[in-house]
């Protein structure tokens, strides 16, 4: 029988890095939108906040911030959890 070596810890760390990168992009964007940003629809509307209300925009920005922070938290948890996984695992093919 042939054996196959699987890098278990590396899989968890790759997922952690991807979640961390995405969270690092989304969370600051959500914070910017929440504190001072406005939707692109305001550029094309006859008057600002005609298509998207400020309440809707704040709700969207809050969700975006929460989503980004959740991605960062999941990245941190995956990185911490990967320490308990074996570096490699051999299995028969």
PDB file of N, CA and C in Angstrom:
ATOM      1  N   UNK A   1       0.831  -1.195   0.000  1.00  0.00           N
ATOM      2  CA  UNK A   1       0.000   0.000   0.000  1.00  0.00           C
ATOM      3  C   UNK A   1       0.870   1.250   0.000  1.00  0.00           C
ATOM      4  N   UNK A   2       0.416   2.228  -0.716  1.00  0.00           N
ATOM      5  CA  UNK A   2       1.118   3.516  -0.739  1.00  0.00           C
ATOM      6  C   UNK A   2       0.536   4.418   0.345  1.00  0.00           C
ATOM      7  N   UNK A   3       1.376   5.248   0.884  1.00  0.00           N
ATOM      8  CA  UNK A   3       0.898   6.195   1.897  1.00  0.00           C
ATOM      9  C   UNK A   3       0.959   7.606   1.339  1.00  0.00           C
ATOM     10  N   UNK A   4       0.083   8.394   1.839  1.00  0.00           N
ATOM     11  CA  UNK A   4      -0.014   9.791   1.415  1.00  0.00           C
ATOM     12  C   UNK A   4       0.169  10.665   2.652  1.00  0.00           C
ATOM     13  N   UNK A   5       0.977  11.685   2.536  1.00  0.00           N
ATOM     14  CA  UNK A   5       1.226  12.579   3.663  1.00  0.00           C
ATOM     15  C   UNK A   5       0.387  13.850   3.474  1.00  0.00           C
ATOM     16  N   UNK A   6      -0.413  14.175   4.496  1.00  0.00           N
ATOM     17  CA  UNK A   6      -1.283  15.351   4.462  1.00  0.00           C
ATOM     18  C   UNK A   6      -0.787  16.332   5.514  1.00  0.00           C
ATOM     19  N   UNK A   7      -0.615  17.571   5.104  1.00  0.00           N
ATOM     20  CA  UNK A   7      -0.177  18.609   6.045  1.00  0.00           C
ATOM     21  C   UNK A   7      -1.412  19.220   6.701  1.00  0.00           C
ATOM     22  N   UNK A   8      -1.772  18.694   7.848  1.00  0.00           N
ATOM     23  CA  UNK A   8      -3.004  19.080   8.532  1.00  0.00           C
ATOM     24  C   UNK A   8      -2.894  20.487   9.114  1.00  0.00           C
ATOM     25  N   UNK A   9      -1.825  20.775   9.796  1.00  0.00           N
ATOM     26  CA  UNK A   9      -1.662  22.092  10.417  1.00  0.00           C
ATOM     27  C   UNK A   9      -1.622  23.187   9.350  1.00  0.00           C
ATOM     28  N   UNK A  10      -1.017  22.903   8.227  1.00  0.00           N
ATOM     29  CA  UNK A  10      -0.931  23.879   7.143  1.00  0.00           C
ATOM     30  C   UNK A  10      -2.293  24.239   6.578  1.00  0.00           C
ATOM     31  N   UNK A  11      -3.191  23.273   6.505  1.00  0.00           N
ATOM     32  CA  UNK A  11      -4.544  23.561   5.996  1.00  0.00           C
ATOM     33  C   UNK A  11      -5.267  24.553   6.895  1.00  0.00           C
ATOM     34  N   UNK A  12      -5.162  24.352   8.198  1.00  0.00           N
ATOM     35  CA  UNK A  12      -5.814  25.276   9.136  1.00  0.00           C
ATOM     36  C   UNK A  12      -5.166  26.657   9.081  1.00  0.00           C
ATOM     37  N   UNK A  13      -3.854  26.694   8.890  1.00  0.00           N
ATOM     38  CA  UNK A  13      -3.174  27.992   8.839  1.00  0.00           C
ATOM     39  C   UNK A  13      -3.475  28.736   7.553  1.00  0.00           C
ATOM     40  N   UNK A  14      -3.626  28.019   6.449  1.00  0.00           N
ATOM     41  CA  UNK A  14      -4.006  28.678   5.193  1.00  0.00           C
ATOM     42  C   UNK A  14      -5.388  29.302   5.331  1.00  0.00           C
ATOM     43  N   UNK A  15      -6.318  28.560   5.908  1.00  0.00           N
ATOM     44  CA  UNK A  15      -7.664  29.110   6.123  1.00  0.00           C
ATOM     45  C   UNK A  15      -7.601  30.323   7.044  1.00  0.00           C
ATOM     46  N   UNK A  16      -6.771  30.261   8.063  1.00  0.00           N
ATOM     47  CA  UNK A  16      -6.615  31.376   8.986  1.00  0.00           C
ATOM     48  C   UNK A  16      -6.087  32.619   8.271  1.00  0.00           C
ATOM     49  N   UNK A  17      -5.107  32.427   7.416  1.00  0.00           N
ATOM     50  CA  UNK A  17      -4.532  33.558   6.677  1.00  0.00           C
ATOM     51  C   UNK A  17      -5.560  34.175   5.741  1.00  0.00           C
ATOM     52  N   UNK A  18      -6.331  33.333   5.067  1.00  0.00           N
ATOM     53  CA  UNK A  18      -7.352  33.862   4.148  1.00  0.00           C
ATOM     54  C   UNK A  18      -8.427  34.648   4.896  1.00  0.00           C
ATOM     55  N   UNK A  19      -8.910  34.099   6.009  1.00  0.00           N
ATOM     56  CA  UNK A  19      -9.896  34.825   6.808  1.00  0.00           C
ATOM     57  C   UNK A  19      -9.310  36.125   7.356  1.00  0.00           C
ATOM     58  N   UNK A  20      -8.056  36.085   7.772  1.00  0.00           N
ATOM     59  CA  UNK A  20      -7.406  37.281   8.306  1.00  0.00           C
ATOM     60  C   UNK A  20      -7.247  38.366   7.265  1.00  0.00           C
ATOM     61  N   UNK A  21      -6.826  37.985   6.070  1.00  0.00           N
ATOM     62  CA  UNK A  21      -6.675  38.975   4.999  1.00  0.00           C
ATOM     63  C   UNK A  21      -8.009  39.607   4.630  1.00  0.00           C
ATOM     64  N   UNK A  22      -9.035  38.762   4.505  1.00  0.00           N
ATOM     65  CA  UNK A  22     -10.350  39.292   4.136  1.00  0.00           C
ATOM     66  C   UNK A  22     -10.918  40.180   5.245  1.00  0.00           C
ATOM     67  N   UNK A  23     -10.771  39.763   6.474  1.00  0.00           N
ATOM     68  CA  UNK A  23     -11.244  40.571   7.600  1.00  0.00           C
ATOM     69  C   UNK A  23     -10.493  41.889   7.712  1.00  0.00           C
ATOM     70  N   UNK A  24      -9.190  41.871   7.371  1.00  0.00           N
ATOM     71  CA  UNK A  24      -8.391  43.096   7.422  1.00  0.00           C
ATOM     72  C   UNK A  24      -8.797  44.083   6.337  1.00  0.00           C
ATOM     73  N   UNK A  25      -9.431  43.611   5.294  1.00  0.00           N
ATOM     74  CA  UNK A  25      -9.937  44.500   4.242  1.00  0.00           C
ATOM     75  C   UNK A  25     -11.337  45.009   4.588  1.00  0.00           C
ATOM     76  N   UNK A  26     -12.191  44.110   5.047  1.00  0.00           N
ATOM     77  CA  UNK A  26     -13.608  44.437   5.240  1.00  0.00           C
ATOM     78  C   UNK A  26     -13.840  45.277   6.499  1.00  0.00           C
ATOM     79  N   UNK A  27     -13.164  44.977   7.594  1.00  0.00           N
ATOM     80  CA  UNK A  27     -13.418  45.696   8.852  1.00  0.00           C
ATOM     81  C   UNK A  27     -13.089  47.191   8.757  1.00  0.00           C
ATOM     82  N   UNK A  28     -11.942  47.594   8.231  1.00  0.00           N
ATOM     83  CA  UNK A  28     -11.698  49.042   8.103  1.00  0.00           C
ATOM     84  C   UNK A  28     -12.659  49.729   7.128  1.00  0.00           C
ATOM     85  N   UNK A  29     -13.045  49.005   6.068  1.00  0.00           N
ATOM     86  CA  UNK A  29     -14.016  49.578   5.128  1.00  0.00           C
ATOM     87  C   UNK A  29     -15.351  49.811   5.825  1.00  0.00           C
ATOM     88  N   UNK A  30     -15.778  48.861   6.646  1.00  0.00           N
ATOM     89  CA  UNK A  30     -17.016  49.025   7.402  1.00  0.00           C
ATOM     90  C   UNK A  30     -16.924  50.168   8.390  1.00  0.00           C
ATOM     91  N   UNK A  31     -15.782  50.307   9.036  1.00  0.00           N
ATOM     92  CA  UNK A  31     -15.589  51.410   9.976  1.00  0.00           C
ATOM     93  C   UNK A  31     -15.626  52.755   9.252  1.00  0.00           C
ATOM     94  N   UNK A  32     -14.982  52.826   8.085  1.00  0.00           N
ATOM     95  CA  UNK A  32     -15.011  54.049   7.293  1.00  0.00           C
ATOM     96  C   UNK A  32     -16.440  54.392   6.865  1.00  0.00           C
ATOM     97  N   UNK A  33     -17.174  53.379   6.380  1.00  0.00           N
ATOM     98  CA  UNK A  33     -18.554  53.616   5.958  1.00  0.00           C
ATOM     99  C   UNK A  33     -19.432  54.048   7.123  1.00  0.00           C
ATOM    100  N   UNK A  34     -19.166  53.506   8.286  1.00  0.00           N
ATOM    101  CA  UNK A  34     -19.968  53.834   9.461  1.00  0.00           C
ATOM    102  C   UNK A  34     -19.703  55.255   9.949  1.00  0.00           C
ATOM    103  N   UNK A  35     -18.443  55.688   9.880  1.00  0.00           N
ATOM    104  CA  UNK A  35     -18.088  56.993  10.440  1.00  0.00           C
ATOM    105  C   UNK A  35     -18.178  58.150   9.455  1.00  0.00           C
ATOM    106  N   UNK A  36     -17.970  57.910   8.164  1.00  0.00           N
ATOM    107  CA  UNK A  36     -17.973  59.065   7.273  1.00  0.00           C
ATOM    108  C   UNK A  36     -18.251  58.766   5.822  1.00  0.00           C
ATOM    109  N   UNK A  37     -18.301  57.525   5.450  1.00  0.00           N
ATOM    110  CA  UNK A  37     -18.519  57.194   4.052  1.00  0.00           C
ATOM    111  C   UNK A  37     -19.971  57.362   3.648  1.00  0.00           C
ATOM    112  N   UNK A  38     -20.181  57.360   2.354  1.00  0.00           N
ATOM    113  CA  UNK A  38     -21.547  57.414   1.845  1.00  0.00           C
ATOM    114  C   UNK A  38     -21.625  56.546   0.600  1.00  0.00           C
ATOM    115  N   UNK A  39     -22.813  56.097   0.244  1.00  0.00           N
ATOM    116  CA  UNK A  39     -22.943  55.189  -0.899  1.00  0.00           C
ATOM    117  C   UNK A  39     -22.672  55.905  -2.227  1.00  0.00           C
ATOM    118  N   UNK A  40     -22.272  55.132  -3.232  1.00  0.00           N
ATOM    119  CA  UNK A  40     -22.037  55.696  -4.553  1.00  0.00           C
ATOM    120  C   UNK A  40     -23.319  56.223  -5.178  1.00  0.00           C
ATOM    121  N   UNK A  41     -24.440  55.733  -4.718  1.00  0.00           N
ATOM    122  CA  UNK A  41     -25.717  56.198  -5.248  1.00  0.00           C
ATOM    123  C   UNK A  41     -25.897  57.696  -5.030  1.00  0.00           C
ATOM    124  N   UNK A  42     -25.256  58.248  -4.011  1.00  0.00           N
ATOM    125  CA  UNK A  42     -25.353  59.691  -3.760  1.00  0.00           C
ATOM    126  C   UNK A  42     -24.703  60.505  -4.873  1.00  0.00           C
ATOM    127  N   UNK A  43     -23.759  59.921  -5.589  1.00  0.00           N
ATOM    128  CA  UNK A  43     -23.113  60.637  -6.686  1.00  0.00           C
ATOM    129  C   UNK A  43     -24.046  60.825  -7.873  1.00  0.00           C
ATOM    130  N   UNK A  44     -24.956  59.896  -8.053  1.00  0.00           N
ATOM    131  CA  UNK A  44     -25.829  59.908  -9.227  1.00  0.00           C
ATOM    132  C   UNK A  44     -27.261  60.331  -8.920  1.00  0.00           C
ATOM    133  N   UNK A  45     -27.571  60.516  -7.677  1.00  0.00           N
ATOM    134  CA  UNK A  45     -28.937  60.888  -7.280  1.00  0.00           C
ATOM    135  C   UNK A  45     -29.153  62.388  -7.478  1.00  0.00           C
ATOM    136  N   UNK A  46     -30.391  62.796  -7.714  1.00  0.00           N
ATOM    137  CA  UNK A  46     -30.673  64.231  -7.844  1.00  0.00           C
ATOM    138  C   UNK A  46     -30.341  64.986  -6.556  1.00  0.00           C
ATOM    139  N   UNK A  47     -30.523  64.346  -5.430  1.00  0.00           N
ATOM    140  CA  UNK A  47     -30.136  64.928  -4.149  1.00  0.00           C
ATOM    141  C   UNK A  47     -29.585  63.793  -3.283  1.00  0.00           C
ATOM    142  N   UNK A  48     -28.624  64.096  -2.410  1.00  0.00           N
ATOM    143  CA  UNK A  48     -28.023  63.033  -1.583  1.00  0.00           C
ATOM    144  C   UNK A  48     -29.064  62.301  -0.733  1.00  0.00           C
ATOM    145  N   UNK A  49     -28.836  61.043  -0.535  1.00  0.00           N
ATOM    146  CA  UNK A  49     -29.663  60.156   0.283  1.00  0.00           C
ATOM    147  C   UNK A  49     -31.073  59.995  -0.282  1.00  0.00           C
ATOM    148  N   UNK A  50     -31.220  60.114  -1.594  1.00  0.00           N
ATOM    149  CA  UNK A  50     -32.529  59.915  -2.225  1.00  0.00           C
ATOM    150  C   UNK A  50     -32.807  58.429  -2.448  1.00  0.00           C
ATOM    151  N   UNK A  51     -31.798  57.682  -2.838  1.00  0.00           N
ATOM    152  CA  UNK A  51     -31.997  56.252  -3.126  1.00  0.00           C
ATOM    153  C   UNK A  51     -31.758  55.376  -1.901  1.00  0.00           C
ATOM    154  N   UNK A  52     -30.746  55.703  -1.141  1.00  0.00           N
ATOM    155  CA  UNK A  52     -30.399  54.944   0.069  1.00  0.00           C
ATOM    156  C   UNK A  52     -30.484  55.908   1.240  1.00  0.00           C
ATOM    157  N   UNK A  53     -31.282  55.554   2.237  1.00  0.00           N
ATOM    158  CA  UNK A  53     -31.404  56.432   3.396  1.00  0.00           C
ATOM    159  C   UNK A  53     -30.195  56.269   4.318  1.00  0.00           C
ATOM    160  N   UNK A  54     -29.998  57.245   5.171  1.00  0.00           N
ATOM    161  CA  UNK A  54     -28.876  57.171   6.105  1.00  0.00           C
ATOM    162  C   UNK A  54     -29.040  56.006   7.065  1.00  0.00           C
ATOM    163  N   UNK A  55     -30.263  55.706   7.452  1.00  0.00           N
ATOM    164  CA  UNK A  55     -30.503  54.564   8.344  1.00  0.00           C
ATOM    165  C   UNK A  55     -30.113  53.254   7.662  1.00  0.00           C
ATOM    166  N   UNK A  56     -30.477  53.098   6.393  1.00  0.00           N
ATOM    167  CA  UNK A  56     -30.109  51.890   5.657  1.00  0.00           C
ATOM    168  C   UNK A  56     -28.589  51.780   5.512  1.00  0.00           C
ATOM    169  N   UNK A  57     -27.960  52.909   5.271  1.00  0.00           N
ATOM    170  CA  UNK A  57     -26.508  52.909   5.100  1.00  0.00           C
ATOM    171  C   UNK A  57     -25.790  52.554   6.402  1.00  0.00           C
ATOM    172  N   UNK A  58     -26.278  53.090   7.525  1.00  0.00           N
ATOM    173  CA  UNK A  58     -25.683  52.755   8.822  1.00  0.00           C
ATOM    174  C   UNK A  58     -25.864  51.273   9.146  1.00  0.00           C
ATOM    175  N   UNK A  59     -27.023  50.726   8.797  1.00  0.00           N
ATOM    176  CA  UNK A  59     -27.273  49.305   9.034  1.00  0.00           C
ATOM    177  C   UNK A  59     -26.318  48.454   8.199  1.00  0.00           C
ATOM    178  N   UNK A  60     -26.140  48.821   6.946  1.00  0.00           N
ATOM    179  CA  UNK A  60     -25.217  48.089   6.071  1.00  0.00           C
ATOM    180  C   UNK A  60     -23.783  48.211   6.580  1.00  0.00           C
ATOM    181  N   UNK A  61     -23.349  49.402   6.952  1.00  0.00           N
ATOM    182  CA  UNK A  61     -21.986  49.615   7.435  1.00  0.00           C
ATOM    183  C   UNK A  61     -21.750  48.859   8.739  1.00  0.00           C
ATOM    184  N   UNK A  62     -22.739  48.812   9.608  1.00  0.00           N
ATOM    185  CA  UNK A  62     -22.613  48.051  10.850  1.00  0.00           C
ATOM    186  C   UNK A  62     -22.467  46.567  10.583  1.00  0.00           C
ATOM    187  N   UNK A  63     -23.244  46.060   9.620  1.00  0.00           N
ATOM    188  CA  UNK A  63     -23.103  44.654   9.249  1.00  0.00           C
ATOM    189  C   UNK A  63     -21.721  44.392   8.669  1.00  0.00           C
ATOM    190  N   UNK A  64     -21.249  45.306   7.821  1.00  0.00           N
ATOM    191  CA  UNK A  64     -19.938  45.142   7.204  1.00  0.00           C
ATOM    192  C   UNK A  64     -18.831  45.123   8.264  1.00  0.00           C
ATOM    193  N   UNK A  65     -18.931  45.986   9.241  1.00  0.00           N
ATOM    194  CA  UNK A  65     -17.951  46.014  10.324  1.00  0.00           C
ATOM    195  C   UNK A  65     -18.019  44.732  11.148  1.00  0.00           C
ATOM    196  N   UNK A  66     -19.209  44.291  11.485  1.00  0.00           N
ATOM    197  CA  UNK A  66     -19.359  43.060  12.271  1.00  0.00           C
ATOM    198  C   UNK A  66     -18.838  41.852  11.496  1.00  0.00           C
ATOM    199  N   UNK A  67     -19.091  41.806  10.203  1.00  0.00           N
ATOM    200  CA  UNK A  67     -18.612  40.715   9.355  1.00  0.00           C
ATOM    201  C   UNK A  67     -17.085  40.703   9.305  1.00  0.00           C
ATOM    202  N   UNK A  68     -16.476  41.867   9.151  1.00  0.00           N
ATOM    203  CA  UNK A  68     -15.024  41.951   9.121  1.00  0.00           C
ATOM    204  C   UNK A  68     -14.399  41.531  10.437  1.00  0.00           C
ATOM    205  N   UNK A  69     -14.982  41.971  11.541  1.00  0.00           N
ATOM    206  CA  UNK A  69     -14.462  41.584  12.855  1.00  0.00           C
ATOM    207  C   UNK A  69     -14.654  40.091  13.117  1.00  0.00           C
ATOM    208  N   UNK A  70     -15.757  39.532  12.628  1.00  0.00           N
ATOM    209  CA  UNK A  70     -15.980  38.091  12.777  1.00  0.00           C
ATOM    210  C   UNK A  70     -14.946  37.299  11.979  1.00  0.00           C
ATOM    211  N   UNK A  71     -14.596  37.774  10.786  1.00  0.00           N
ATOM    212  CA  UNK A  71     -13.557  37.112   9.998  1.00  0.00           C
ATOM    213  C   UNK A  71     -12.212  37.173  10.710  1.00  0.00           C
ATOM    214  N   UNK A  72     -11.893  38.310  11.302  1.00  0.00           N
ATOM    215  CA  UNK A  72     -10.641  38.436  12.049  1.00  0.00           C
ATOM    216  C   UNK A  72     -10.627  37.523  13.268  1.00  0.00           C
ATOM    217  N   UNK A  73     -11.749  37.436  13.963  1.00  0.00           N
ATOM    218  CA  UNK A  73     -11.829  36.559  15.139  1.00  0.00           C
ATOM    219  C   UNK A  73     -11.701  35.090  14.729  1.00  0.00           C
ATOM    220  N   UNK A  74     -12.327  34.719  13.638  1.00  0.00           N
ATOM    221  CA  UNK A  74     -12.223  33.339  13.164  1.00  0.00           C
ATOM    222  C   UNK A  74     -10.791  33.025  12.739  1.00  0.00           C
ATOM    223  N   UNK A  75     -10.121  33.982  12.118  1.00  0.00           N
ATOM    224  CA  UNK A  75      -8.720  33.780  11.737  1.00  0.00           C
ATOM    225  C   UNK A  75      -7.859  33.547  12.973  1.00  0.00           C
ATOM    226  N   UNK A  76      -8.067  34.351  13.992  1.00  0.00           N
ATOM    227  CA  UNK A  76      -7.289  34.202  15.225  1.00  0.00           C
ATOM    228  C   UNK A  76      -7.556  32.847  15.886  1.00  0.00           C
ATOM    229  N   UNK A  77      -8.840  32.456  15.924  1.00  0.00           N
ATOM    230  CA  UNK A  77      -9.183  31.167  16.540  1.00  0.00           C
ATOM    231  C   UNK A  77      -8.607  29.997  15.753  1.00  0.00           C
ATOM    232  N   UNK A  78      -8.654  30.063  14.443  1.00  0.00           N
ATOM    233  CA  UNK A  78      -8.071  28.994  13.632  1.00  0.00           C
ATOM    234  C   UNK A  78      -6.564  28.895  13.837  1.00  0.00           C
ATOM    235  N   UNK A  79      -5.919  30.044  13.929  1.00  0.00           N
ATOM    236  CA  UNK A  79      -4.468  30.033  14.139  1.00  0.00           C
ATOM    237  C   UNK A  79      -4.126  29.407  15.490  1.00  0.00           C
ATOM    238  N   UNK A  80      -4.905  29.772  16.516  1.00  0.00           N
ATOM    239  CA  UNK A  80      -4.676  29.199  17.842  1.00  0.00           C
ATOM    240  C   UNK A  80      -4.972  27.701  17.858  1.00  0.00           C
ATOM    241  N   UNK A  81      -6.062  27.293  17.182  1.00  0.00           N
ATOM    242  CA  UNK A  81      -6.447  25.885  17.138  1.00  0.00           C
ATOM    243  C   UNK A  81      -5.422  25.050  16.375  1.00  0.00           C
ATOM    244  N   UNK A  82      -4.781  25.638  15.378  1.00  0.00           N
ATOM    245  CA  UNK A  82      -3.836  24.871  14.565  1.00  0.00           C
ATOM    246  C   UNK A  82      -2.638  24.398  15.383  1.00  0.00           C
ATOM    247  N   UNK A  83      -2.367  25.039  16.503  1.00  0.00           N
ATOM    248  CA  UNK A  83      -1.254  24.600  17.352  1.00  0.00           C
ATOM    249  C   UNK A  83      -1.501  23.206  17.935  1.00  0.00           C
ATOM    250  N   UNK A  84      -2.769  22.822  18.070  1.00  0.00           N
ATOM    251  CA  UNK A  84      -3.095  21.528  18.658  1.00  0.00           C
ATOM    252  C   UNK A  84      -3.168  20.421  17.617  1.00  0.00           C
ATOM    253  N   UNK A  85      -3.117  20.776  16.341  1.00  0.00           N
ATOM    254  CA  UNK A  85      -3.192  19.777  15.274  1.00  0.00           C
ATOM    255  C   UNK A  85      -1.797  19.215  14.992  1.00  0.00           C
ATOM    256  N   UNK A  86      -1.746  17.963  14.540  1.00  0.00           N
ATOM    257  CA  UNK A  86      -0.443  17.421  14.165  1.00  0.00           C
ATOM    258  C   UNK A  86       0.072  18.109  12.901  1.00  0.00           C
ATOM    259  N   UNK A  87       1.383  18.180  12.780  1.00  0.00           N
ATOM    260  CA  UNK A  87       1.970  18.849  11.622  1.00  0.00           C
ATOM    261  C   UNK A  87       1.608  18.107  10.332  1.00  0.00           C
ATOM    262  N   UNK A  88       1.800  16.802  10.327  1.00  0.00           N
ATOM    263  CA  UNK A  88       1.430  15.973   9.169  1.00  0.00           C
ATOM    264  C   UNK A  88       0.682  14.735   9.632  1.00  0.00           C
ATOM    265  N   UNK A  89      -0.003  14.127   8.696  1.00  0.00           N
ATOM    266  CA  UNK A  89      -0.759  12.901   8.967  1.00  0.00           C
ATOM    267  C   UNK A  89      -0.549  11.976   7.791  1.00  0.00           C
ATOM    268  N   UNK A  90      -0.203  10.742   8.035  1.00  0.00           N
ATOM    269  CA  UNK A  90      -0.009   9.747   6.971  1.00  0.00           C
ATOM    270  C   UNK A  90      -1.247   8.874   6.899  1.00  0.00           C
ATOM    271  N   UNK A  91      -1.693   8.638   5.668  1.00  0.00           N
ATOM    272  CA  UNK A  91      -2.820   7.730   5.474  1.00  0.00           C
ATOM    273  C   UNK A  91      -2.548   6.842   4.265  1.00  0.00           C
ATOM    274  N   UNK A  92      -3.143   5.678   4.283  1.00  0.00           N
ATOM    275  CA  UNK A  92      -2.965   4.738   3.180  1.00  0.00           C
ATOM    276  C   UNK A  92      -3.937   5.073   2.063  1.00  0.00           C
ATOM    277  N   UNK A  93      -3.432   4.942   0.839  1.00  0.00           N
ATOM    278  CA  UNK A  93      -4.269   5.259  -0.321  1.00  0.00           C
ATOM    279  C   UNK A  93      -4.749   3.989  -0.954  1.00  0.00           C
TER     280      UNK A  93
END
